[in-house]
């Protein structure tokens, strides 16, 4: 149960975003290889793109997590506030 709760935190969001970003960057790399546009000179840029995708994905994971935290905090505050008459 502790591992499940920890995966909902910012670390889990960073890992999920990084994984998605790396996956998208790797897809671009594979497509370039399959289209035979991959050579050593361009390879550095494609591999850099994979790493950049991972970093941007991690940053997006943090942003999404913060937005979800704000939404959850607002819902919790609405539930705990007394009804006004």
N, C-alpha and C. Protein backbone atom coordinates (compact mmCIF):
# COMPACT_ATOMS: atom_id res chain seq x y z
N UNK A 1 0.83 -1.20 0.00
CA UNK A 1 0.00 0.00 0.00
C UNK A 1 0.87 1.26 0.00
N UNK A 2 2.00 1.22 0.72
CA UNK A 2 2.88 2.40 0.74
C UNK A 2 3.43 2.70 -0.64
N UNK A 3 3.78 1.65 -1.38
CA UNK A 3 4.32 1.85 -2.73
C UNK A 3 3.26 2.46 -3.64
N UNK A 4 2.02 2.05 -3.47
CA UNK A 4 0.94 2.60 -4.28
C UNK A 4 0.73 4.08 -3.97
N UNK A 5 0.76 4.45 -2.70
CA UNK A 5 0.61 5.86 -2.32
C UNK A 5 1.80 6.68 -2.80
N UNK A 6 2.99 6.13 -2.75
CA UNK A 6 4.18 6.85 -3.20
C UNK A 6 4.15 7.08 -4.70
N UNK A 7 3.55 6.17 -5.45
CA UNK A 7 3.52 6.34 -6.90
C UNK A 7 2.58 7.46 -7.33
N UNK A 8 1.72 7.93 -6.45
CA UNK A 8 0.84 9.04 -6.77
C UNK A 8 1.51 10.38 -6.53
N UNK A 9 2.66 10.37 -5.92
CA UNK A 9 3.36 11.60 -5.59
C UNK A 9 4.12 12.18 -6.77
N UNK A 10 4.89 13.23 -6.50
CA UNK A 10 5.63 13.89 -7.58
C UNK A 10 6.67 12.98 -8.22
N UNK A 11 7.27 12.08 -7.45
CA UNK A 11 8.27 11.19 -8.02
C UNK A 11 7.65 10.28 -9.08
N UNK A 12 6.48 9.77 -8.81
CA UNK A 12 5.77 8.93 -9.79
C UNK A 12 5.41 9.71 -11.04
N UNK A 13 5.01 10.97 -10.87
CA UNK A 13 4.67 11.81 -12.02
C UNK A 13 5.91 12.09 -12.86
N UNK A 14 7.04 12.33 -12.20
CA UNK A 14 8.28 12.58 -12.93
C UNK A 14 8.67 11.33 -13.71
N UNK A 15 8.60 10.17 -13.08
CA UNK A 15 8.96 8.93 -13.77
C UNK A 15 8.03 8.64 -14.94
N UNK A 16 6.75 8.84 -14.75
CA UNK A 16 5.80 8.59 -15.84
C UNK A 16 6.05 9.54 -17.00
N UNK A 17 6.25 10.82 -16.69
CA UNK A 17 6.51 11.80 -17.75
C UNK A 17 7.81 11.52 -18.47
N UNK A 18 8.84 11.16 -17.72
CA UNK A 18 10.13 10.84 -18.33
C UNK A 18 10.01 9.61 -19.22
N UNK A 19 9.31 8.61 -18.76
CA UNK A 19 9.12 7.40 -19.56
C UNK A 19 8.38 7.68 -20.85
N UNK A 20 7.34 8.48 -20.78
CA UNK A 20 6.57 8.82 -21.98
C UNK A 20 7.43 9.64 -22.93
N UNK A 21 8.18 10.60 -22.40
CA UNK A 21 9.05 11.42 -23.25
C UNK A 21 10.13 10.59 -23.92
N UNK A 22 10.76 9.67 -23.17
CA UNK A 22 11.77 8.80 -23.76
C UNK A 22 11.17 7.90 -24.83
N UNK A 23 9.97 7.42 -24.58
CA UNK A 23 9.30 6.56 -25.55
C UNK A 23 9.02 7.32 -26.85
N UNK A 24 8.52 8.54 -26.74
CA UNK A 24 8.25 9.33 -27.94
C UNK A 24 9.54 9.65 -28.69
N UNK A 25 10.59 10.00 -27.96
CA UNK A 25 11.88 10.26 -28.61
C UNK A 25 12.42 9.02 -29.29
N UNK A 26 12.26 7.86 -28.67
CA UNK A 26 12.73 6.61 -29.26
C UNK A 26 11.93 6.25 -30.51
N UNK A 27 10.66 6.57 -30.52
CA UNK A 27 9.83 6.33 -31.71
C UNK A 27 10.34 7.16 -32.88
N UNK A 28 10.67 8.43 -32.62
CA UNK A 28 11.21 9.28 -33.67
C UNK A 28 12.53 8.70 -34.18
N UNK A 29 13.37 8.22 -33.28
CA UNK A 29 14.65 7.62 -33.67
C UNK A 29 14.43 6.38 -34.53
N UNK A 30 13.51 5.51 -34.15
CA UNK A 30 13.24 4.29 -34.91
C UNK A 30 12.69 4.63 -36.29
N UNK A 31 11.80 5.61 -36.37
CA UNK A 31 11.26 6.03 -37.66
C UNK A 31 12.38 6.55 -38.56
N UNK A 32 13.29 7.32 -38.01
CA UNK A 32 14.42 7.83 -38.80
C UNK A 32 15.29 6.69 -39.30
N UNK A 33 15.51 5.68 -38.47
CA UNK A 33 16.32 4.53 -38.89
C UNK A 33 15.60 3.75 -39.99
N UNK A 34 14.31 3.55 -39.83
CA UNK A 34 13.54 2.79 -40.83
C UNK A 34 13.45 3.53 -42.17
N UNK A 35 13.46 4.84 -42.13
CA UNK A 35 13.41 5.61 -43.38
C UNK A 35 14.81 5.84 -43.95
N UNK A 36 15.79 5.22 -43.36
CA UNK A 36 17.19 5.29 -43.79
C UNK A 36 17.72 6.71 -43.83
N UNK A 37 17.25 7.55 -42.92
CA UNK A 37 17.76 8.91 -42.80
C UNK A 37 18.78 9.01 -41.67
N UNK A 38 19.12 7.90 -41.08
CA UNK A 38 19.99 7.89 -39.92
C UNK A 38 21.43 7.66 -40.35
N UNK A 39 22.30 8.60 -40.04
CA UNK A 39 23.73 8.39 -40.20
C UNK A 39 24.42 8.95 -38.95
N UNK A 40 25.72 8.81 -38.87
CA UNK A 40 26.44 9.19 -37.66
C UNK A 40 26.30 10.68 -37.38
N UNK A 41 26.35 11.50 -38.41
CA UNK A 41 26.25 12.95 -38.21
C UNK A 41 24.89 13.34 -37.63
N UNK A 42 23.84 12.73 -38.16
CA UNK A 42 22.49 13.03 -37.66
C UNK A 42 22.17 12.24 -36.39
N UNK A 43 22.90 11.16 -36.18
CA UNK A 43 22.61 10.29 -35.04
C UNK A 43 22.72 11.00 -33.71
N UNK A 44 23.70 11.90 -33.60
CA UNK A 44 23.87 12.64 -32.35
C UNK A 44 22.63 13.48 -32.08
N UNK A 45 22.07 14.08 -33.11
CA UNK A 45 20.87 14.90 -32.93
C UNK A 45 19.66 14.06 -32.55
N UNK A 46 19.53 12.88 -33.18
CA UNK A 46 18.41 12.02 -32.85
C UNK A 46 18.50 11.49 -31.42
N UNK A 47 19.69 11.07 -31.01
CA UNK A 47 19.87 10.57 -29.65
C UNK A 47 19.67 11.70 -28.65
N UNK A 48 20.14 12.90 -29.00
CA UNK A 48 19.89 14.06 -28.14
C UNK A 48 18.39 14.33 -28.03
N UNK A 49 17.69 14.11 -29.13
CA UNK A 49 16.23 14.28 -29.11
C UNK A 49 15.55 13.32 -28.17
N UNK A 50 16.05 12.08 -28.11
CA UNK A 50 15.49 11.10 -27.18
C UNK A 50 15.70 11.57 -25.74
N UNK A 51 16.91 12.03 -25.44
CA UNK A 51 17.19 12.50 -24.08
C UNK A 51 16.40 13.76 -23.75
N UNK A 52 16.30 14.66 -24.71
CA UNK A 52 15.52 15.88 -24.51
C UNK A 52 14.05 15.55 -24.29
N UNK A 53 13.56 14.57 -25.03
CA UNK A 53 12.17 14.13 -24.84
C UNK A 53 11.95 13.62 -23.43
N UNK A 54 12.91 12.89 -22.89
CA UNK A 54 12.80 12.41 -21.52
C UNK A 54 12.78 13.54 -20.51
N UNK A 55 13.65 14.53 -20.72
CA UNK A 55 13.69 15.68 -19.79
C UNK A 55 12.41 16.50 -19.86
N UNK A 56 11.93 16.75 -21.08
CA UNK A 56 10.69 17.51 -21.22
C UNK A 56 9.50 16.73 -20.66
N UNK A 57 9.52 15.42 -20.85
CA UNK A 57 8.46 14.59 -20.30
C UNK A 57 8.42 14.64 -18.78
N UNK A 58 9.61 14.64 -18.16
CA UNK A 58 9.68 14.76 -16.70
C UNK A 58 9.13 16.08 -16.21
N UNK A 59 9.47 17.15 -16.94
CA UNK A 59 8.96 18.47 -16.57
C UNK A 59 7.44 18.53 -16.74
N UNK A 60 6.94 17.92 -17.80
CA UNK A 60 5.48 17.88 -17.99
C UNK A 60 4.81 17.05 -16.91
N UNK A 61 5.48 15.99 -16.47
CA UNK A 61 4.93 15.17 -15.39
C UNK A 61 4.79 15.97 -14.11
N UNK A 62 5.78 16.81 -13.81
CA UNK A 62 5.70 17.67 -12.62
C UNK A 62 4.54 18.65 -12.75
N UNK A 63 4.41 19.27 -13.93
CA UNK A 63 3.34 20.25 -14.15
C UNK A 63 1.96 19.61 -14.02
N UNK A 64 1.79 18.45 -14.62
CA UNK A 64 0.49 17.76 -14.54
C UNK A 64 0.20 17.38 -13.09
N UNK A 65 1.21 16.91 -12.39
CA UNK A 65 1.01 16.53 -10.99
C UNK A 65 0.57 17.74 -10.16
N UNK A 66 1.20 18.88 -10.37
CA UNK A 66 0.83 20.08 -9.62
C UNK A 66 -0.60 20.51 -9.94
N UNK A 67 -0.98 20.43 -11.22
CA UNK A 67 -2.35 20.78 -11.59
C UNK A 67 -3.36 19.84 -10.94
N UNK A 68 -3.03 18.55 -10.90
CA UNK A 68 -3.93 17.59 -10.27
C UNK A 68 -4.01 17.81 -8.76
N UNK A 69 -2.88 18.17 -8.14
CA UNK A 69 -2.90 18.46 -6.71
C UNK A 69 -3.80 19.65 -6.40
N UNK A 70 -3.72 20.69 -7.23
CA UNK A 70 -4.59 21.86 -7.00
C UNK A 70 -6.05 21.48 -7.14
N UNK A 71 -6.37 20.67 -8.15
CA UNK A 71 -7.76 20.26 -8.34
C UNK A 71 -8.25 19.43 -7.17
N UNK A 72 -7.41 18.51 -6.68
CA UNK A 72 -7.79 17.70 -5.53
C UNK A 72 -7.94 18.55 -4.28
N UNK A 73 -7.08 19.55 -4.09
CA UNK A 73 -7.17 20.42 -2.91
C UNK A 73 -8.45 21.24 -2.95
N UNK A 74 -8.84 21.71 -4.13
CA UNK A 74 -10.09 22.47 -4.26
C UNK A 74 -11.30 21.60 -3.95
N UNK A 75 -11.28 20.36 -4.45
CA UNK A 75 -12.39 19.45 -4.18
C UNK A 75 -12.48 19.12 -2.69
N UNK A 76 -11.34 18.91 -2.06
CA UNK A 76 -11.32 18.61 -0.62
C UNK A 76 -11.82 19.80 0.19
N UNK A 77 -11.42 21.01 -0.20
CA UNK A 77 -11.88 22.21 0.50
C UNK A 77 -13.38 22.40 0.33
N UNK A 78 -13.89 22.10 -0.84
CA UNK A 78 -15.34 22.21 -1.08
C UNK A 78 -16.11 21.20 -0.25
N UNK A 79 -15.55 20.01 -0.07
CA UNK A 79 -16.23 18.98 0.74
C UNK A 79 -16.24 19.35 2.20
N UNK A 80 -15.17 20.00 2.69
CA UNK A 80 -15.05 20.28 4.12
C UNK A 80 -15.68 21.60 4.52
N UNK A 81 -16.01 22.46 3.56
CA UNK A 81 -16.60 23.75 3.93
C UNK A 81 -18.05 23.53 4.34
N UNK A 82 -18.51 24.26 5.34
CA UNK A 82 -19.90 24.11 5.77
C UNK A 82 -20.85 24.70 4.73
N UNK A 83 -22.02 24.13 4.59
CA UNK A 83 -22.99 24.66 3.62
C UNK A 83 -23.48 26.05 4.07
N UNK A 84 -23.65 26.92 3.12
CA UNK A 84 -24.14 28.28 3.45
C UNK A 84 -25.63 28.35 3.16
N UNK A 85 -26.34 28.93 4.10
CA UNK A 85 -27.80 29.10 3.96
C UNK A 85 -28.16 30.54 4.06
